[in-house]
C-alpha atoms as a PDB file:
ATOM      1  CA  MET A   1     137.346 135.303  96.708  1.00  0.00           C
ATOM      2  CA  GLN A   2     140.788 134.162  95.574  1.00  0.00           C
ATOM      3  CA  ASN A   3     141.008 130.253  94.088  1.00  0.00           C
ATOM      4  CA  ILE A   4     142.175 128.036  97.209  1.00  0.00           C
ATOM      5  CA  SER A   5     145.048 126.824  94.873  1.00  0.00           C
ATOM      6  CA  HIS A   6     146.631 130.215  95.252  1.00  0.00           C
ATOM      7  CA  TYR A   7     147.455 129.188  99.085  1.00  0.00           C
ATOM      8  CA  ILE A   8     147.356 125.116  98.499  1.00  0.00           C
ATOM      9  CA  TYR A   9     150.390 125.463  95.981  1.00  0.00           C
ATOM     10  CA  HIS A  10     152.095 128.043  97.837  1.00  0.00           C
ATOM     11  CA  PRO A  11     152.054 127.595 101.329  1.00  0.00           C
ATOM     12  CA  THR A  12     154.077 130.823 102.183  1.00  0.00           C
ATOM     13  CA  ARG A  13     151.234 132.916 101.073  1.00  0.00           C
ATOM     14  CA  ILE A  14     149.234 131.289 103.845  1.00  0.00           C
ATOM     15  CA  ILE A  15     151.806 132.374 106.533  1.00  0.00           C
ATOM     16  CA  ILE A  16     151.838 136.126 104.867  1.00  0.00           C
ATOM     17  CA  ALA A  17     148.271 136.148 104.991  1.00  0.00           C
ATOM     18  CA  LEU A  18     147.782 135.387 108.586  1.00  0.00           C
ATOM     19  CA  TYR A  19     150.995 137.746 109.415  1.00  0.00           C
ATOM     20  CA  THR A  20     149.344 140.468 107.804  1.00  0.00           C
ATOM     21  CA  ARG A  21     145.920 139.903 109.786  1.00  0.00           C
ATOM     22  CA  LEU A  22     147.430 138.968 113.240  1.00  0.00           C
ATOM     23  CA  CYS A  23     150.586 141.097 113.488  1.00  0.00           C
ATOM     24  CA  ASN A  24     149.461 144.451 112.245  1.00  0.00           C
ATOM     25  CA  TRP A  25     149.647 145.788 115.731  1.00  0.00           C
ATOM     26  CA  LEU A  26     153.260 145.720 115.412  1.00  0.00           C
ATOM     27  CA  PRO A  27     155.310 149.144 114.684  1.00  0.00           C
ATOM     28  CA  ASP A  28     156.305 150.104 111.029  1.00  0.00           C
ATOM     29  CA  LYS A  29     159.665 149.140 110.873  1.00  0.00           C
ATOM     30  CA  PRO A  30     159.632 145.453 112.413  1.00  0.00           C
ATOM     31  CA  TYR A  31     156.398 144.899 110.673  1.00  0.00           C
ATOM     32  CA  LEU A  32     157.815 145.712 107.254  1.00  0.00           C
ATOM     33  CA  GLN A  33     161.118 143.999 108.057  1.00  0.00           C
ATOM     34  CA  ILE A  34     159.372 140.708 108.945  1.00  0.00           C
ATOM     35  CA  LEU A  35     156.948 140.851 106.025  1.00  0.00           C
ATOM     36  CA  PHE A  36     159.890 141.356 103.497  1.00  0.00           C
ATOM     37  CA  PHE A  37     161.703 138.486 105.119  1.00  0.00           C
ATOM     38  CA  LEU A  38     158.553 136.495 104.299  1.00  0.00           C
ATOM     39  CA  HIS A  39     158.338 137.332 100.716  1.00  0.00           C
ATOM     40  CA  PHE A  40     162.011 136.922  99.563  1.00  0.00           C
ATOM     41  CA  GLY A  41     164.247 135.435 102.623  1.00  0.00           C
ATOM     42  CA  LYS A  42     166.133 138.386 103.118  1.00  0.00           C
ATOM     43  CA  PHE A  43     166.351 141.157 105.495  1.00  0.00           C
ATOM     44  CA  ILE A  44     166.084 144.997 104.523  1.00  0.00           C
ATOM     45  CA  HIS A  45     169.169 146.933 104.546  1.00  0.00           C
ATOM     46  CA  TRP A  46     167.574 149.836 106.393  1.00  0.00           C
ATOM     47  CA  LYS A  47     170.674 152.115 106.701  1.00  0.00           C
ATOM     48  CA  ASN A  48     171.907 151.372 103.058  1.00  0.00           C
ATOM     49  CA  PRO A  49     169.451 149.856 100.950  1.00  0.00           C
ATOM     50  CA  LYS A  50     170.624 149.155  97.295  1.00  0.00           C
ATOM     51  CA  THR A  51     167.828 147.026  95.524  1.00  0.00           C
ATOM     52  CA  TYR A  52     164.635 148.679  94.413  1.00  0.00           C
ATOM     53  CA  LEU A  53     162.324 146.372  96.603  1.00  0.00           C
ATOM     54  CA  GLU A  54     164.285 147.460  99.481  1.00  0.00           C
ATOM     55  CA  LYS A  55     164.205 151.079  98.647  1.00  0.00           C
ATOM     56  CA  LEU A  56     160.160 150.923  98.083  1.00  0.00           C
ATOM     57  CA  GLN A  57     160.058 149.796 101.932  1.00  0.00           C
ATOM     58  CA  TRP A  58     162.501 152.608 103.088  1.00  0.00           C
ATOM     59  CA  LEU A  59     160.084 155.084 101.153  1.00  0.00           C
ATOM     60  CA  LYS A  60     157.185 153.976 103.243  1.00  0.00           C
ATOM     61  CA  LEU A  61     159.030 154.801 106.358  1.00  0.00           C
ATOM     62  CA  TYR A  62     160.872 157.974 105.503  1.00  0.00           C
ATOM     63  CA  ASN A  63     159.066 159.834 102.580  1.00  0.00           C
ATOM     64  CA  ARG A  64     156.029 161.168 103.937  1.00  0.00           C
ATOM     65  CA  ASP A  65     154.796 164.163 102.008  1.00  0.00           C
ATOM     66  CA  THR A  66     151.324 164.955 103.528  1.00  0.00           C
ATOM     67  CA  GLU A  67     150.538 165.968  99.872  1.00  0.00           C
ATOM     68  CA  TYR A  68     150.674 162.019  98.952  1.00  0.00           C
ATOM     69  CA  THR A  69     147.160 161.433 100.584  1.00  0.00           C
ATOM     70  CA  GLN A  70     145.300 163.510  98.230  1.00  0.00           C
ATOM     71  CA  MET A  71     147.314 162.146  95.619  1.00  0.00           C
ATOM     72  CA  VAL A  72     146.165 158.492  96.096  1.00  0.00           C
ATOM     73  CA  ASP A  73     142.624 159.386  96.779  1.00  0.00           C
ATOM     74  CA  LYS A  74     140.911 158.502  93.626  1.00  0.00           C
ATOM     75  CA  TYR A  75     138.282 161.420  93.833  1.00  0.00           C
ATOM     76  CA  ALA A  76     140.711 164.048  95.401  1.00  0.00           C
ATOM     77  CA  ALA A  77     143.356 163.307  92.860  1.00  0.00           C
ATOM     78  CA  LYS A  78     140.934 164.392  90.015  1.00  0.00           C
ATOM     79  CA  GLN A  79     141.205 168.192  91.340  1.00  0.00           C
ATOM     80  CA  TYR A  80     144.897 167.826  91.580  1.00  0.00           C
ATOM     81  CA  VAL A  81     145.719 166.518  88.416  1.00  0.00           C
ATOM     82  CA  SER A  82     143.390 168.806  86.840  1.00  0.00           C
ATOM     83  CA  SER A  83     145.150 171.900  88.193  1.00  0.00           C
ATOM     84  CA  LYS A  84     148.575 170.443  86.509  1.00  0.00           C
ATOM     85  CA  ILE A  85     147.443 169.210  83.137  1.00  0.00           C
ATOM     86  CA  GLY A  86     143.862 170.365  82.476  1.00  0.00           C
ATOM     87  CA  SER A  87     140.754 168.851  82.953  1.00  0.00           C
ATOM     88  CA  GLU A  88     140.684 167.324  79.405  1.00  0.00           C
ATOM     89  CA  HIS A  89     142.464 164.414  81.211  1.00  0.00           C
ATOM     90  CA  ILE A  90     140.231 163.609  83.452  1.00  0.00           C
ATOM     91  CA  ASN A  91     137.480 160.755  83.201  1.00  0.00           C
ATOM     92  CA  PRO A  92     134.491 162.785  85.021  1.00  0.00           C
ATOM     93  CA  THR A  93     132.982 161.573  88.064  1.00  0.00           C
ATOM     94  CA  ILE A  94     128.945 160.595  87.572  1.00  0.00           C
ATOM     95  CA  GLY A  95     128.640 160.485  91.421  1.00  0.00           C
ATOM     96  CA  VAL A  96     130.116 159.899  94.666  1.00  0.00           C
ATOM     97  CA  TRP A  97     128.748 158.176  98.127  1.00  0.00           C
ATOM     98  CA  ASN A  98     129.734 157.247 101.274  1.00  0.00           C
ATOM     99  CA  HIS A  99     128.164 153.910 101.583  1.00  0.00           C
ATOM    100  CA  PRO A 100     127.101 151.339  98.659  1.00  0.00           C
ATOM    101  CA  GLU A 101     123.732 151.319  99.899  1.00  0.00           C
ATOM    102  CA  ASP A 102     123.413 154.785  98.825  1.00  0.00           C
ATOM    103  CA  ILE A 103     124.177 154.282  95.414  1.00  0.00           C
ATOM    104  CA  ASP A 104     121.010 155.181  92.977  1.00  0.00           C
ATOM    105  CA  PHE A 105     121.661 152.343  90.413  1.00  0.00           C
ATOM    106  CA  CYS A 106     118.506 153.397  88.739  1.00  0.00           C
ATOM    107  CA  ASN A 107     119.936 156.694  87.667  1.00  0.00           C
ATOM    108  CA  LEU A 108     123.246 155.447  86.741  1.00  0.00           C
ATOM    109  CA  PRO A 109     123.891 155.030  82.848  1.00  0.00           C
ATOM    110  CA  ASP A 110     123.927 151.313  81.263  1.00  0.00           C
ATOM    111  CA  ARG A 111     127.731 151.477  81.326  1.00  0.00           C
ATOM    112  CA  PHE A 112     129.610 152.649  84.233  1.00  0.00           C
ATOM    113  CA  VAL A 113     132.714 151.949  86.534  1.00  0.00           C
ATOM    114  CA  LEU A 114     132.630 152.004  90.282  1.00  0.00           C
ATOM    115  CA  LYS A 115     135.537 152.395  92.411  1.00  0.00           C
ATOM    116  CA  THR A 116     136.401 152.956  96.221  1.00  0.00           C
ATOM    117  CA  THR A 117     138.574 156.035  96.790  1.00  0.00           C
ATOM    118  CA  HIS A 118     141.055 154.533  99.034  1.00  0.00           C
ATOM    119  CA  SER A 119     142.003 151.282  97.763  1.00  0.00           C
ATOM    120  CA  GLY A 120     144.838 150.215  95.176  1.00  0.00           C
ATOM    121  CA  GLY A 121     144.913 148.382  92.074  1.00  0.00           C
ATOM    122  CA  SER A 122     141.555 146.646  90.846  1.00  0.00           C
ATOM    123  CA  SER A 123     140.645 145.182  94.420  1.00  0.00           C
ATOM    124  CA  GLY A 124     137.852 147.968  94.767  1.00  0.00           C
ATOM    125  CA  VAL A 125     136.589 148.233  91.245  1.00  0.00           C
ATOM    126  CA  ILE A 126     133.172 147.320  89.745  1.00  0.00           C
ATOM    127  CA  ILE A 127     133.218 147.401  85.724  1.00  0.00           C
ATOM    128  CA  CYS A 128     129.573 147.454  84.495  1.00  0.00           C
ATOM    129  CA  LYS A 129     129.207 146.938  80.742  1.00  0.00           C
ATOM    130  CA  ASP A 130     125.344 146.237  80.984  1.00  0.00           C
ATOM    131  CA  LYS A 131     123.355 147.373  84.067  1.00  0.00           C
ATOM    132  CA  SER A 132     120.597 144.994  83.077  1.00  0.00           C
ATOM    133  CA  LYS A 133     123.156 141.933  84.267  1.00  0.00           C
ATOM    134  CA  LEU A 134     124.865 143.713  87.258  1.00  0.00           C
ATOM    135  CA  ASP A 135     124.086 142.060  90.405  1.00  0.00           C
ATOM    136  CA  ILE A 136     123.641 144.768  92.734  1.00  0.00           C
ATOM    137  CA  LYS A 137     123.548 142.672  95.767  1.00  0.00           C
ATOM    138  CA  LYS A 138     126.971 141.316  95.055  1.00  0.00           C
ATOM    139  CA  THR A 139     128.224 144.670  93.784  1.00  0.00           C
ATOM    140  CA  ILE A 140     127.330 146.472  97.471  1.00  0.00           C
ATOM    141  CA  LYS A 141     129.086 143.370  99.076  1.00  0.00           C
ATOM    142  CA  LYS A 142     132.051 143.708  97.248  1.00  0.00           C
ATOM    143  CA  LEU A 143     132.162 147.518  97.751  1.00  0.00           C
ATOM    144  CA  ASN A 144     131.871 147.190 101.507  1.00  0.00           C
ATOM    145  CA  LYS A 145     134.388 144.602 101.641  1.00  0.00           C
ATOM    146  CA  SER A 146     136.711 147.035  99.925  1.00  0.00           C
ATOM    147  CA  LEU A 147     135.743 149.932 102.314  1.00  0.00           C
ATOM    148  CA  LYS A 148     137.304 147.603 105.248  1.00  0.00           C
ATOM    149  CA  THR A 149     140.549 147.173 103.681  1.00  0.00           C
ATOM    150  CA  ASP A 150     143.537 149.273 105.140  1.00  0.00           C
ATOM    151  CA  LEU A 151     146.664 149.201 102.750  1.00  0.00           C
ATOM    152  CA  SER A 152     148.178 151.589 105.656  1.00  0.00           C
ATOM    153  CA  LYS A 153     147.849 148.766 107.969  1.00  0.00           C
ATOM    154  CA  SER A 154     148.646 145.552 105.725  1.00  0.00           C
ATOM    155  CA  VAL A 155     151.330 146.503 103.919  1.00  0.00           C
ATOM    156  CA  ARG A 156     152.417 150.036 105.381  1.00  0.00           C
ATOM    157  CA  GLU A 157     151.382 152.084 102.606  1.00  0.00           C
ATOM    158  CA  TRP A 158     150.701 155.305 104.856  1.00  0.00           C
ATOM    159  CA  PRO A 159     149.312 157.741 102.283  1.00  0.00           C
ATOM    160  CA  TYR A 160     146.139 155.714 102.352  1.00  0.00           C
ATOM    161  CA  LYS A 161     145.639 156.039 105.959  1.00  0.00           C
ATOM    162  CA  ASN A 162     143.733 159.199 106.060  1.00  0.00           C
ATOM    163  CA  VAL A 163     142.125 159.002 102.763  1.00  0.00           C
ATOM    164  CA  GLN A 164     138.153 159.492 103.087  1.00  0.00           C
ATOM    165  CA  ARG A 165     136.486 156.139 102.225  1.00  0.00           C
ATOM    166  CA  ARG A 166     133.979 156.831  99.683  1.00  0.00           C
ATOM    167  CA  ILE A 167     132.670 155.315  96.608  1.00  0.00           C
ATOM    168  CA  ILE A 168     132.451 156.847  92.817  1.00  0.00           C
ATOM    169  CA  ALA A 169     131.119 156.171  89.603  1.00  0.00           C
ATOM    170  CA  GLU A 170     132.926 157.253  86.390  1.00  0.00           C
ATOM    171  CA  LYS A 171     131.970 156.756  82.767  1.00  0.00           C
ATOM    172  CA  TYR A 172     132.920 153.398  81.427  1.00  0.00           C
ATOM    173  CA  MET A 173     135.865 153.591  79.011  1.00  0.00           C
ATOM    174  CA  GLU A 174     137.350 151.222  76.475  1.00  0.00           C
ATOM    175  CA  ASP A 175     139.912 151.411  73.918  1.00  0.00           C
ATOM    176  CA  GLU A 176     140.410 150.092  70.069  1.00  0.00           C
ATOM    177  CA  SER A 177     141.576 146.675  72.038  1.00  0.00           C
ATOM    178  CA  GLY A 178     138.150 146.239  73.175  1.00  0.00           C
ATOM    179  CA  GLU A 179     139.475 146.745  76.806  1.00  0.00           C
ATOM    180  CA  LEU A 180     141.117 149.104  78.721  1.00  0.00           C
ATOM    181  CA  ILE A 181     144.929 148.989  78.534  1.00  0.00           C
ATOM    182  CA  ASP A 182     146.828 150.248  81.520  1.00  0.00           C
ATOM    183  CA  TYR A 183     150.033 152.388  80.327  1.00  0.00           C
ATOM    184  CA  LYS A 184     152.186 152.799  83.848  1.00  0.00           C
ATOM    185  CA  PHE A 185     155.211 155.058  83.617  1.00  0.00           C
ATOM    186  CA  TYR A 186     157.830 154.472  85.886  1.00  0.00           C
ATOM    187  CA  CYS A 187     159.314 158.057  87.223  1.00  0.00           C
ATOM    188  CA  PHE A 188     162.094 159.228  89.170  1.00  0.00           C
ATOM    189  CA  ASN A 189     162.151 162.705  90.247  1.00  0.00           C
ATOM    190  CA  GLY A 190     160.544 163.609  86.981  1.00  0.00           C
ATOM    191  CA  ASP A 191     162.469 161.094  84.596  1.00  0.00           C
ATOM    192  CA  VAL A 192     160.453 158.348  82.976  1.00  0.00           C
ATOM    193  CA  LYS A 193     162.555 155.148  82.696  1.00  0.00           C
ATOM    194  CA  CYS A 194     160.294 152.900  81.499  1.00  0.00           C
ATOM    195  CA  VAL A 195     156.779 152.029  80.719  1.00  0.00           C
ATOM    196  CA  GLN A 196     154.748 148.845  82.030  1.00  0.00           C
ATOM    197  CA  VAL A 197     151.548 147.958  79.671  1.00  0.00           C
ATOM    198  CA  ASP A 198     148.910 146.032  81.461  1.00  0.00           C
ATOM    199  CA  TYR A 199     146.219 144.231  79.801  1.00  0.00           C
ATOM    200  CA  ASP A 200     143.732 141.141  80.272  1.00  0.00           C
ATOM    201  CA  ARG A 201     143.522 142.652  83.696  1.00  0.00           C
ATOM    202  CA  PHE A 202     140.199 141.086  84.616  1.00  0.00           C
ATOM    203  CA  THR A 203     140.778 137.678  82.842  1.00  0.00           C
ATOM    204  CA  GLU A 204     144.123 136.553  82.762  1.00  0.00           C
ATOM    205  CA  HIS A 205     146.279 139.647  83.640  1.00  0.00           C
ATOM    206  CA  HIS A 206     149.634 140.253  81.344  1.00  0.00           C
ATOM    207  CA  ARG A 207     152.026 142.764  81.336  1.00  0.00           C
ATOM    208  CA  ASN A 208     154.379 143.893  78.906  1.00  0.00           C
ATOM    209  CA  ILE A 209     157.418 146.508  79.721  1.00  0.00           C
ATOM    210  CA  TYR A 210     159.225 148.923  77.388  1.00  0.00           C
ATOM    211  CA  ASP A 211     161.864 151.674  77.524  1.00  0.00           C
ATOM    212  CA  THR A 212     160.834 154.899  76.449  1.00  0.00           C
ATOM    213  CA  LYS A 213     161.709 154.438  72.613  1.00  0.00           C
ATOM    214  CA  TRP A 214     159.113 151.191  73.060  1.00  0.00           C
ATOM    215  CA  HIS A 215     161.541 148.620  72.641  1.00  0.00           C
ATOM    216  CA  PRO A 216     160.752 145.807  74.914  1.00  0.00           C
ATOM    217  CA  LEU A 217     162.603 145.107  78.130  1.00  0.00           C
ATOM    218  CA  HIS A 218     162.827 141.320  78.598  1.00  0.00           C
ATOM    219  CA  PHE A 219     162.121 141.363  82.718  1.00  0.00           C
ATOM    220  CA  THR A 220     159.106 140.591  84.585  1.00  0.00           C
ATOM    221  CA  PHE A 221     157.690 142.195  87.572  1.00  0.00           C
ATOM    222  CA  GLY A 222     154.670 140.541  89.170  1.00  0.00           C
ATOM    223  CA  TYR A 223     152.826 139.296  85.820  1.00  0.00           C
ATOM    224  CA  HIS A 224     154.520 137.734  82.584  1.00  0.00           C
ATOM    225  CA  SER A 225     153.860 138.864  79.023  1.00  0.00           C
ATOM    226  CA  LYS A 226     151.529 137.064  76.658  1.00  0.00           C
ATOM    227  CA  SER A 227     153.549 138.269  73.494  1.00  0.00           C
ATOM    228  CA  ILE A 228     155.891 141.183  74.307  1.00  0.00           C
ATOM    229  CA  TYR A 229     155.382 142.519  71.047  1.00  0.00           C
ATOM    230  CA  ASP A 230     151.797 142.608  70.380  1.00  0.00           C
ATOM    231  CA  ILE A 231     151.283 146.086  72.166  1.00  0.00           C
ATOM    232  CA  LYS A 232     151.108 148.714  69.691  1.00  0.00           C
ATOM    233  CA  LYS A 233     152.644 152.071  70.566  1.00  0.00           C
ATOM    234  CA  PRO A 234     149.948 154.855  71.339  1.00  0.00           C
ATOM    235  CA  GLU A 235     149.968 157.731  68.633  1.00  0.00           C
ATOM    236  CA  LYS A 236     150.275 160.014  71.497  1.00  0.00           C
ATOM    237  CA  PHE A 237     153.080 158.415  73.319  1.00  0.00           C
ATOM    238  CA  GLY A 238     155.023 161.455  73.271  1.00  0.00           C
ATOM    239  CA  MET A 239     152.205 163.445  74.922  1.00  0.00           C
ATOM    240  CA  MET A 240     152.021 160.829  77.547  1.00  0.00           C
ATOM    241  CA  LEU A 241     155.541 160.778  78.470  1.00  0.00           C
ATOM    242  CA  ASP A 242     155.386 164.614  79.048  1.00  0.00           C
ATOM    243  CA  ILE A 243     152.212 164.293  81.234  1.00  0.00           C
ATOM    244  CA  ALA A 244     154.148 161.736  83.092  1.00  0.00           C
ATOM    245  CA  LYS A 245     157.166 163.917  83.699  1.00  0.00           C
ATOM    246  CA  ASN A 246     154.862 166.887  84.772  1.00  0.00           C
ATOM    247  CA  LEU A 247     153.027 164.761  87.394  1.00  0.00           C
ATOM    248  CA  SER A 248     156.050 163.129  88.803  1.00  0.00           C
ATOM    249  CA  LYS A 249     158.305 166.515  88.992  1.00  0.00           C
ATOM    250  CA  ASP A 250     160.080 166.599  92.272  1.00  0.00           C
ATOM    251  CA  ILE A 251     158.744 163.255  93.497  1.00  0.00           C
ATOM    252  CA  PRO A 252     161.744 160.448  94.196  1.00  0.00           C
ATOM    253  CA  HIS A 253     159.675 157.905  92.755  1.00  0.00           C
ATOM    254  CA  VAL A 254     156.110 157.148  91.431  1.00  0.00           C
ATOM    255  CA  ARG A 255     154.325 155.528  88.901  1.00  0.00           C
ATOM    256  CA  ILE A 256     151.799 157.262  86.633  1.00  0.00           C
ATOM    257  CA  ASP A 257     149.284 155.425  85.508  1.00  0.00           C
ATOM    258  CA  LEU A 258     147.338 156.595  82.162  1.00  0.00           C
ATOM    259  CA  TYR A 259     144.992 155.464  79.542  1.00  0.00           C
ATOM    260  CA  CYS A 260     144.316 156.466  75.852  1.00  0.00           C
ATOM    261  CA  VAL A 261     141.096 156.331  74.298  1.00  0.00           C
ATOM    262  CA  ASN A 262     140.094 157.381  70.931  1.00  0.00           C
ATOM    263  CA  ASN A 263     143.487 159.264  71.072  1.00  0.00           C
ATOM    264  CA  CYS A 264     142.617 161.190  74.197  1.00  0.00           C
ATOM    265  CA  ILE A 265     144.730 160.858  77.253  1.00  0.00           C
ATOM    266  CA  TYR A 266     143.184 160.068  80.599  1.00  0.00           C
ATOM    267  CA  PHE A 267     144.699 159.894  84.110  1.00  0.00           C
ATOM    268  CA  GLY A 268     144.384 156.711  85.838  1.00  0.00           C
ATOM    269  CA  GLU A 269     146.216 157.448  89.257  1.00  0.00           C
ATOM    270  CA  PHE A 270     149.418 157.649  91.331  1.00  0.00           C
ATOM    271  CA  THR A 271     151.115 154.559  92.543  1.00  0.00           C
ATOM    272  CA  PHE A 272     154.097 155.559  95.094  1.00  0.00           C
ATOM    273  CA  PHE A 273     154.962 151.642  96.182  1.00  0.00           C
ATOM    274  CA  PRO A 274     154.468 149.455  92.816  1.00  0.00           C
ATOM    275  CA  GLU A 275     153.395 146.077  93.611  1.00  0.00           C
ATOM    276  CA  SER A 276     153.898 147.217  97.401  1.00  0.00           C
ATOM    277  CA  GLY A 277     157.600 146.208  96.789  1.00  0.00           C
ATOM    278  CA  HIS A 278     156.479 142.723  97.348  1.00  0.00           C
ATOM    279  CA  LYS A 279     156.506 140.910  93.948  1.00  0.00           C
ATOM    280  CA  ASN A 280     160.200 139.396  92.381  1.00  0.00           C
ATOM    281  CA  MET A 281     161.788 141.133  89.647  1.00  0.00           C
ATOM    282  CA  ALA A 282     163.368 138.816  87.113  1.00  0.00           C
ATOM    283  CA  PRO A 283     165.996 138.510  86.175  1.00  0.00           C
ATOM    284  CA  ASP A 284     167.150 139.925  89.461  1.00  0.00           C
ATOM    285  CA  GLU A 285     169.499 142.511  87.724  1.00  0.00           C
ATOM    286  CA  TRP A 286     166.377 144.620  87.005  1.00  0.00           C
ATOM    287  CA  ASN A 287     165.634 145.197  90.945  1.00  0.00           C
ATOM    288  CA  ASP A 288     169.573 146.564  90.817  1.00  0.00           C
ATOM    289  CA  LYS A 289     168.907 149.005  88.091  1.00  0.00           C
ATOM    290  CA  PHE A 290     165.695 150.108  89.422  1.00  0.00           C
ATOM    291  CA  GLY A 291     167.279 150.223  92.745  1.00  0.00           C
ATOM    292  CA  ASP A 292     170.347 152.819  91.152  1.00  0.00           C
ATOM    293  CA  TRP A 293     167.676 154.796  89.376  1.00  0.00           C
ATOM    294  CA  LEU A 294     165.792 155.632  92.581  1.00  0.00           C
ATOM    295  CA  ILE A 295     167.910 158.154  94.667  1.00  0.00           C
ATOM    296  CA  LEU A 296     166.484 158.265  97.963  1.00  0.00           C
ATOM    297  CA  PRO A 297     165.578 161.777  99.404  1.00  0.00           C
ATOM    298  CA  SER A 298     166.252 162.992 103.030  1.00  0.00           C
ATOM    299  CA  LYS A 299     164.070 161.623 105.645  1.00  0.00           C
ATOM    300  CA  THR A 300     160.938 163.563 106.215  1.00  0.00           C
ATOM    301  CA  VAL A 301     159.295 161.546 108.932  1.00  0.00           C
ATOM    302  CA  LEU A 302     161.240 158.993 111.511  1.00  0.00           C
ATOM    303  CA  GLY A 303     160.315 155.631 111.109  1.00  0.00           C
ATOM    304  CA  LYS A 304     158.563 154.011 114.112  1.00  0.00           C
END
């Protein structure tokens, strides 16, 4: 449960939370327009969007390749990615279940990760480092809550609508940092423009951003850097770039999330709408720069 101060000191968040719960019956276009205004005090220029955050909303309406549904499914994506870059880059699935109550915790290893297949980010993730200390009732409760979330309604990320809702267990991984640093590659038609590095994700989430030469870029998107120079470039960074380019080929925009553990590269997930386009980019010039990188495709589905 989020800290109550999250809402007390930011009353707009209360309005947004109520809006996403009470008004999700609205058609996509007006729903997204109002939600964008609540976040930024601005309206989306649907006919000629310029900024990155506007264009992400446009993509929700007008770029609907049905293949995206398989790509955001945390279970089905493994087969898709394996066919593209090889199974050695896939963290094997230990088990898959339709309901949290079906999980046989006794047969799971001492360390593992549970994920719901349809949720974005870490909202449906359970990291277990010591099974003897795991609160199983609390785990089942969190997974059931995650299974009820629907990003296709709350923020209109349509690829999640038809994902089969399941729970998967994966091997626990950590890198030399003692955690699992997330390397997120921002790709535009197969061209990587920058890399977002997330760390301390389950304590005090921090984020550094670099160009493809590993030079720090001095802007923020959602989270701040703790120390912009404290993340070492992975030894196989060049291979990670190649994988990101391969997986993002012919896609107008997608973020490819990868991990690097013991010099082995593992696929994380596809993210088509980073932060759902609802976090500030500061300074704002980066919103324009990303917008220039994102060349909108022809419409594939008309908005509602």
